[in-house]
Amino acid sequence: AFYILIFPLSFRLTCYYYRLSYYRAFFWDPPACAVSEPRPRRKYTGEMRFPFILQNLHRFSFYAAAVFVVILSWDTIVSLFHSDGFHLGVGTIVLGINAVLIGLYTFSCHAWRHLMGGGTDCYSCEVMGKTRFGIWKQITYLNERHSWYAWLSLFSVALADAYVWLLSAGVITDFRFF
């Protein structure tokens, strides 16, 4: 399980939204809007030196996160079918909501937005440019809400993990609607 955590954790730790939060929390940078920097800044090097060069893993960890969305969605579908037939239970709903929220978080990412059309300079100059622009606009709509999806998906992962753990430990039983 710890080996599997490397992929979603690398996606979350290198996410631009989370970086904003932990740069402010741990590095106090920027200190505040109206406050000047406490010391003269050295030459800005971007993310070219360790440990910040690891932030460039984000676009690569996006691919692994997309695979996890497929796996979680498949788990939700499988949870509908049991040896005695088709059943919809609370666990299926918890797993489904978790898969949807992680999917929204993953596919509202700037890396996905860039793949779908962010690298294009002239949509009208390309074949399928109008379609790509439309897809890019829809992903931009999701991207504007990326921070919400980040928090909601983080809590849904914790809820789904706790629910599955309680089920497997025999502490609770899954209530089935039908």
C-alpha atoms as a PDB file:
ATOM      1  CA  ALA A   1       0.000   0.000   0.000  1.00  0.00           C
ATOM      2  CA  PHE A   2       2.847   2.405   0.737  1.00  0.00           C
ATOM      3  CA  TYR A   3       4.324   1.893  -2.736  1.00  0.00           C
ATOM      4  CA  ILE A   4       0.990   2.759  -4.308  1.00  0.00           C
ATOM      5  CA  LEU A   5       0.764   5.962  -2.245  1.00  0.00           C
ATOM      6  CA  ILE A   6       3.779   7.385  -4.070  1.00  0.00           C
ATOM      7  CA  PHE A   7       1.714   8.223  -7.149  1.00  0.00           C
ATOM      8  CA  PRO A   8      -1.311  10.078  -5.718  1.00  0.00           C
ATOM      9  CA  LEU A   9       0.896  11.689  -3.085  1.00  0.00           C
ATOM     10  CA  SER A  10       3.301  13.028  -5.710  1.00  0.00           C
ATOM     11  CA  PHE A  11       0.333  14.439  -7.635  1.00  0.00           C
ATOM     12  CA  ARG A  12      -1.036  16.204  -4.555  1.00  0.00           C
ATOM     13  CA  LEU A  13       2.310  17.453  -3.222  1.00  0.00           C
ATOM     14  CA  THR A  14       3.276  18.997  -6.555  1.00  0.00           C
ATOM     15  CA  CYS A  15      -0.180  20.474  -7.263  1.00  0.00           C
ATOM     16  CA  TYR A  16      -0.112  24.246  -7.817  1.00  0.00           C
ATOM     17  CA  TYR A  17      -2.969  24.783  -5.393  1.00  0.00           C
ATOM     18  CA  TYR A  18      -1.275  22.836  -2.604  1.00  0.00           C
ATOM     19  CA  ARG A  19       2.054  24.522  -3.351  1.00  0.00           C
ATOM     20  CA  LEU A  20       0.406  27.896  -2.811  1.00  0.00           C
ATOM     21  CA  SER A  21      -0.828  26.699   0.565  1.00  0.00           C
ATOM     22  CA  TYR A  22       2.346  25.164   1.865  1.00  0.00           C
ATOM     23  CA  TYR A  23       4.666  27.877   0.502  1.00  0.00           C
ATOM     24  CA  ARG A  24       2.649  30.367   2.529  1.00  0.00           C
ATOM     25  CA  ALA A  25       2.365  28.126   5.577  1.00  0.00           C
ATOM     26  CA  PHE A  26       5.918  26.791   5.814  1.00  0.00           C
ATOM     27  CA  PHE A  27       8.053  29.342   3.959  1.00  0.00           C
ATOM     28  CA  TRP A  28       5.888  32.409   4.709  1.00  0.00           C
ATOM     29  CA  ASP A  29       6.273  33.449   1.097  1.00  0.00           C
ATOM     30  CA  PRO A  30       4.699  35.761   0.161  1.00  0.00           C
ATOM     31  CA  PRO A  31       4.307  37.151   3.676  1.00  0.00           C
ATOM     32  CA  ALA A  32       1.224  39.240   2.774  1.00  0.00           C
ATOM     33  CA  CYS A  33      -0.028  41.470  -0.004  1.00  0.00           C
ATOM     34  CA  ALA A  34       0.958  44.808   1.537  1.00  0.00           C
ATOM     35  CA  VAL A  35       4.134  43.646   3.278  1.00  0.00           C
ATOM     36  CA  SER A  36       7.471  43.938   1.556  1.00  0.00           C
ATOM     37  CA  GLU A  37       9.868  41.029   1.457  1.00  0.00           C
ATOM     38  CA  PRO A  38      11.938  40.761   4.658  1.00  0.00           C
ATOM     39  CA  ARG A  39      15.253  40.479   2.833  1.00  0.00           C
ATOM     40  CA  PRO A  40      16.444  41.339  -0.629  1.00  0.00           C
ATOM     41  CA  ARG A  41      15.634  38.520  -2.986  1.00  0.00           C
ATOM     42  CA  ARG A  42      18.378  36.620  -4.610  1.00  0.00           C
ATOM     43  CA  LYS A  43      18.107  35.941  -8.289  1.00  0.00           C
ATOM     44  CA  TYR A  44      14.975  33.915  -8.931  1.00  0.00           C
ATOM     45  CA  THR A  45      15.862  30.489 -10.279  1.00  0.00           C
ATOM     46  CA  GLY A  46      12.356  29.092 -10.546  1.00  0.00           C
ATOM     47  CA  GLU A  47      12.185  25.365 -10.041  1.00  0.00           C
ATOM     48  CA  MET A  48      15.654  24.593 -11.322  1.00  0.00           C
ATOM     49  CA  ARG A  49      17.333  23.626  -8.028  1.00  0.00           C
ATOM     50  CA  PHE A  50      16.707  20.966  -5.438  1.00  0.00           C
ATOM     51  CA  PRO A  51      14.209  20.528  -3.778  1.00  0.00           C
ATOM     52  CA  PHE A  52      11.995  22.695  -5.982  1.00  0.00           C
ATOM     53  CA  ILE A  53      12.978  20.859  -9.164  1.00  0.00           C
ATOM     54  CA  LEU A  54      10.849  17.993  -7.830  1.00  0.00           C
ATOM     55  CA  GLN A  55       7.794  20.186  -8.485  1.00  0.00           C
ATOM     56  CA  ASN A  56       8.263  19.438 -12.179  1.00  0.00           C
ATOM     57  CA  LEU A  57       7.083  15.878 -11.472  1.00  0.00           C
ATOM     58  CA  HIS A  58       3.512  17.187 -11.424  1.00  0.00           C
ATOM     59  CA  ARG A  59       2.811  16.778 -15.114  1.00  0.00           C
ATOM     60  CA  PHE A  60       4.171  13.231 -15.011  1.00  0.00           C
ATOM     61  CA  SER A  61       2.332  12.265 -11.848  1.00  0.00           C
ATOM     62  CA  PHE A  62      -0.845  13.505 -13.569  1.00  0.00           C
ATOM     63  CA  TYR A  63      -0.728  10.424 -15.807  1.00  0.00           C
ATOM     64  CA  ALA A  64      -0.572   8.114 -12.793  1.00  0.00           C
ATOM     65  CA  ALA A  65      -3.421  10.037 -11.145  1.00  0.00           C
ATOM     66  CA  ALA A  66      -5.547   9.559 -14.272  1.00  0.00           C
ATOM     67  CA  VAL A  67      -4.925   5.802 -14.065  1.00  0.00           C
ATOM     68  CA  PHE A  68      -6.091   5.862 -10.443  1.00  0.00           C
ATOM     69  CA  VAL A  69      -9.345   7.560 -11.498  1.00  0.00           C
ATOM     70  CA  VAL A  70      -9.981   4.645 -13.872  1.00  0.00           C
ATOM     71  CA  ILE A  71      -9.145   2.089 -11.154  1.00  0.00           C
ATOM     72  CA  LEU A  72     -11.423   3.783  -8.598  1.00  0.00           C
ATOM     73  CA  SER A  73     -14.241   4.019 -11.137  1.00  0.00           C
ATOM     74  CA  TRP A  74     -13.829   0.325 -11.956  1.00  0.00           C
ATOM     75  CA  ASP A  75     -13.933  -0.524  -8.233  1.00  0.00           C
ATOM     76  CA  THR A  76     -17.211   1.378  -7.931  1.00  0.00           C
ATOM     77  CA  ILE A  77     -18.753  -0.550 -10.831  1.00  0.00           C
ATOM     78  CA  VAL A  78     -17.522  -3.882  -9.443  1.00  0.00           C
ATOM     79  CA  SER A  79     -19.022  -3.043  -6.027  1.00  0.00           C
ATOM     80  CA  LEU A  80     -22.483  -3.111  -7.614  1.00  0.00           C
ATOM     81  CA  PHE A  81     -22.256  -6.805  -8.523  1.00  0.00           C
ATOM     82  CA  HIS A  82     -22.233  -9.537  -5.889  1.00  0.00           C
ATOM     83  CA  SER A  83     -22.513 -13.315  -5.985  1.00  0.00           C
ATOM     84  CA  ASP A  84     -26.251 -13.063  -5.250  1.00  0.00           C
ATOM     85  CA  GLY A  85     -26.968 -10.325  -7.812  1.00  0.00           C
ATOM     86  CA  PHE A  86     -26.972  -6.564  -8.290  1.00  0.00           C
ATOM     87  CA  HIS A  87     -26.923  -4.448  -5.104  1.00  0.00           C
ATOM     88  CA  LEU A  88     -26.615  -0.744  -4.396  1.00  0.00           C
ATOM     89  CA  GLY A  89     -25.296   0.009  -0.945  1.00  0.00           C
ATOM     90  CA  VAL A  90     -23.854   2.873   1.045  1.00  0.00           C
ATOM     91  CA  GLY A  91     -20.357   1.601   0.236  1.00  0.00           C
ATOM     92  CA  THR A  92     -21.017   1.853  -3.492  1.00  0.00           C
ATOM     93  CA  ILE A  93     -22.226   5.426  -3.060  1.00  0.00           C
ATOM     94  CA  VAL A  94     -19.185   6.315  -0.930  1.00  0.00           C
ATOM     95  CA  LEU A  95     -16.834   4.769  -3.513  1.00  0.00           C
ATOM     96  CA  GLY A  96     -18.697   6.476  -6.377  1.00  0.00           C
ATOM     97  CA  ILE A  97     -18.577   9.922  -4.789  1.00  0.00           C
ATOM     98  CA  ASN A  98     -14.889   9.389  -4.047  1.00  0.00           C
ATOM     99  CA  ALA A  99     -14.164   8.420  -7.679  1.00  0.00           C
ATOM    100  CA  VAL A 100     -16.107  11.428  -9.005  1.00  0.00           C
ATOM    101  CA  LEU A 101     -14.379  13.903  -6.682  1.00  0.00           C
ATOM    102  CA  ILE A 102     -10.922  12.504  -7.421  1.00  0.00           C
ATOM    103  CA  GLY A 103     -11.795  12.631 -11.132  1.00  0.00           C
ATOM    104  CA  LEU A 104     -12.857  16.270 -10.823  1.00  0.00           C
ATOM    105  CA  TYR A 105      -9.676  17.110  -8.934  1.00  0.00           C
ATOM    106  CA  THR A 106      -7.496  15.279 -11.453  1.00  0.00           C
ATOM    107  CA  PHE A 107      -9.164  16.575 -14.604  1.00  0.00           C
ATOM    108  CA  SER A 108      -9.450  20.161 -13.383  1.00  0.00           C
ATOM    109  CA  CYS A 109      -5.666  20.247 -13.151  1.00  0.00           C
ATOM    110  CA  HIS A 110      -3.651  22.716 -15.209  1.00  0.00           C
ATOM    111  CA  ALA A 111      -1.624  19.818 -16.651  1.00  0.00           C
ATOM    112  CA  TRP A 112      -4.781  18.330 -18.207  1.00  0.00           C
ATOM    113  CA  ARG A 113      -5.865  21.776 -19.377  1.00  0.00           C
ATOM    114  CA  HIS A 114      -2.499  22.266 -21.059  1.00  0.00           C
ATOM    115  CA  LEU A 115      -2.665  18.843 -22.728  1.00  0.00           C
ATOM    116  CA  MET A 116      -6.123  19.603 -24.117  1.00  0.00           C
ATOM    117  CA  GLY A 117      -5.233  22.920 -25.670  1.00  0.00           C
ATOM    118  CA  GLY A 118      -3.048  25.105 -23.540  1.00  0.00           C
ATOM    119  CA  GLY A 119      -0.039  24.736 -25.815  1.00  0.00           C
ATOM    120  CA  THR A 120      -1.912  26.036 -28.838  1.00  0.00           C
ATOM    121  CA  ASP A 121      -1.213  29.576 -30.011  1.00  0.00           C
ATOM    122  CA  CYS A 122      -3.855  29.760 -32.738  1.00  0.00           C
ATOM    123  CA  TYR A 123      -6.983  27.634 -32.505  1.00  0.00           C
ATOM    124  CA  SER A 124      -8.346  28.863 -35.838  1.00  0.00           C
ATOM    125  CA  CYS A 125      -5.116  27.786 -37.561  1.00  0.00           C
ATOM    126  CA  GLU A 126      -5.444  24.138 -36.558  1.00  0.00           C
ATOM    127  CA  VAL A 127      -7.514  21.216 -37.685  1.00  0.00           C
ATOM    128  CA  MET A 128     -10.097  20.621 -34.942  1.00  0.00           C
ATOM    129  CA  GLY A 129      -9.067  23.944 -33.408  1.00  0.00           C
ATOM    130  CA  LYS A 130     -12.632  24.996 -32.630  1.00  0.00           C
ATOM    131  CA  THR A 131     -13.281  21.688 -30.874  1.00  0.00           C
ATOM    132  CA  ARG A 132     -10.042  21.921 -28.898  1.00  0.00           C
ATOM    133  CA  PHE A 133     -10.902  25.461 -27.867  1.00  0.00           C
ATOM    134  CA  GLY A 134     -14.320  24.316 -26.644  1.00  0.00           C
ATOM    135  CA  ILE A 135     -12.773  21.494 -24.611  1.00  0.00           C
ATOM    136  CA  TRP A 136     -10.136  23.879 -23.248  1.00  0.00           C
ATOM    137  CA  LYS A 137     -12.872  26.326 -22.139  1.00  0.00           C
ATOM    138  CA  GLN A 138     -14.755  23.580 -20.312  1.00  0.00           C
ATOM    139  CA  ILE A 139     -11.600  22.411 -18.557  1.00  0.00           C
ATOM    140  CA  THR A 140     -10.879  26.045 -17.675  1.00  0.00           C
ATOM    141  CA  TYR A 141     -14.297  26.169 -15.985  1.00  0.00           C
ATOM    142  CA  LEU A 142     -13.285  23.153 -13.900  1.00  0.00           C
ATOM    143  CA  ASN A 143      -9.807  24.590 -13.301  1.00  0.00           C
ATOM    144  CA  GLU A 144     -11.303  27.717 -11.743  1.00  0.00           C
ATOM    145  CA  ARG A 145     -12.790  25.442  -9.050  1.00  0.00           C
ATOM    146  CA  HIS A 146      -9.666  23.295  -8.630  1.00  0.00           C
ATOM    147  CA  SER A 147      -9.131  24.324  -5.009  1.00  0.00           C
ATOM    148  CA  TRP A 148     -12.624  23.109  -4.063  1.00  0.00           C
ATOM    149  CA  TYR A 149     -12.060  19.787  -5.786  1.00  0.00           C
ATOM    150  CA  ALA A 150      -8.685  19.448  -4.053  1.00  0.00           C
ATOM    151  CA  TRP A 151     -10.220  19.754  -0.599  1.00  0.00           C
ATOM    152  CA  LEU A 152     -13.364  17.768  -1.323  1.00  0.00           C
ATOM    153  CA  SER A 153     -11.409  14.899  -2.867  1.00  0.00           C
ATOM    154  CA  LEU A 154      -8.949  14.881   0.026  1.00  0.00           C
ATOM    155  CA  PHE A 155     -11.798  14.453   2.505  1.00  0.00           C
ATOM    156  CA  SER A 156     -13.563  11.896   0.297  1.00  0.00           C
ATOM    157  CA  VAL A 157     -10.412   9.755   0.197  1.00  0.00           C
ATOM    158  CA  ALA A 158     -10.275   9.799   3.997  1.00  0.00           C
ATOM    159  CA  LEU A 159     -13.991   8.978   4.262  1.00  0.00           C
ATOM    160  CA  ALA A 160     -13.827   6.154   1.708  1.00  0.00           C
ATOM    161  CA  ASP A 161     -10.717   4.669   3.325  1.00  0.00           C
ATOM    162  CA  ALA A 162     -12.293   4.821   6.777  1.00  0.00           C
ATOM    163  CA  TYR A 163     -15.535   3.281   5.510  1.00  0.00           C
ATOM    164  CA  VAL A 164     -13.762   0.396   3.763  1.00  0.00           C
ATOM    165  CA  TRP A 165     -11.525  -0.145   6.794  1.00  0.00           C
ATOM    166  CA  LEU A 166     -14.539  -0.294   9.137  1.00  0.00           C
ATOM    167  CA  LEU A 167     -16.278  -2.738   6.789  1.00  0.00           C
ATOM    168  CA  SER A 168     -13.253  -5.002   6.493  1.00  0.00           C
ATOM    169  CA  ALA A 169     -12.718  -4.948  10.268  1.00  0.00           C
ATOM    170  CA  GLY A 170     -16.330  -6.022  10.798  1.00  0.00           C
ATOM    171  CA  VAL A 171     -17.159  -2.937  12.850  1.00  0.00           C
ATOM    172  CA  ILE A 172     -20.019  -1.966  10.517  1.00  0.00           C
ATOM    173  CA  THR A 173     -22.016  -3.684   7.805  1.00  0.00           C
ATOM    174  CA  ASP A 174     -22.876  -2.134   4.457  1.00  0.00           C
ATOM    175  CA  PHE A 175     -26.508  -1.059   4.262  1.00  0.00           C
ATOM    176  CA  ARG A 176     -28.018  -2.096   0.929  1.00  0.00           C
ATOM    177  CA  PHE A 177     -30.831  -0.144  -0.686  1.00  0.00           C
ATOM    178  CA  PHE A 178     -31.669  -2.986  -3.098  1.00  0.00           C
END
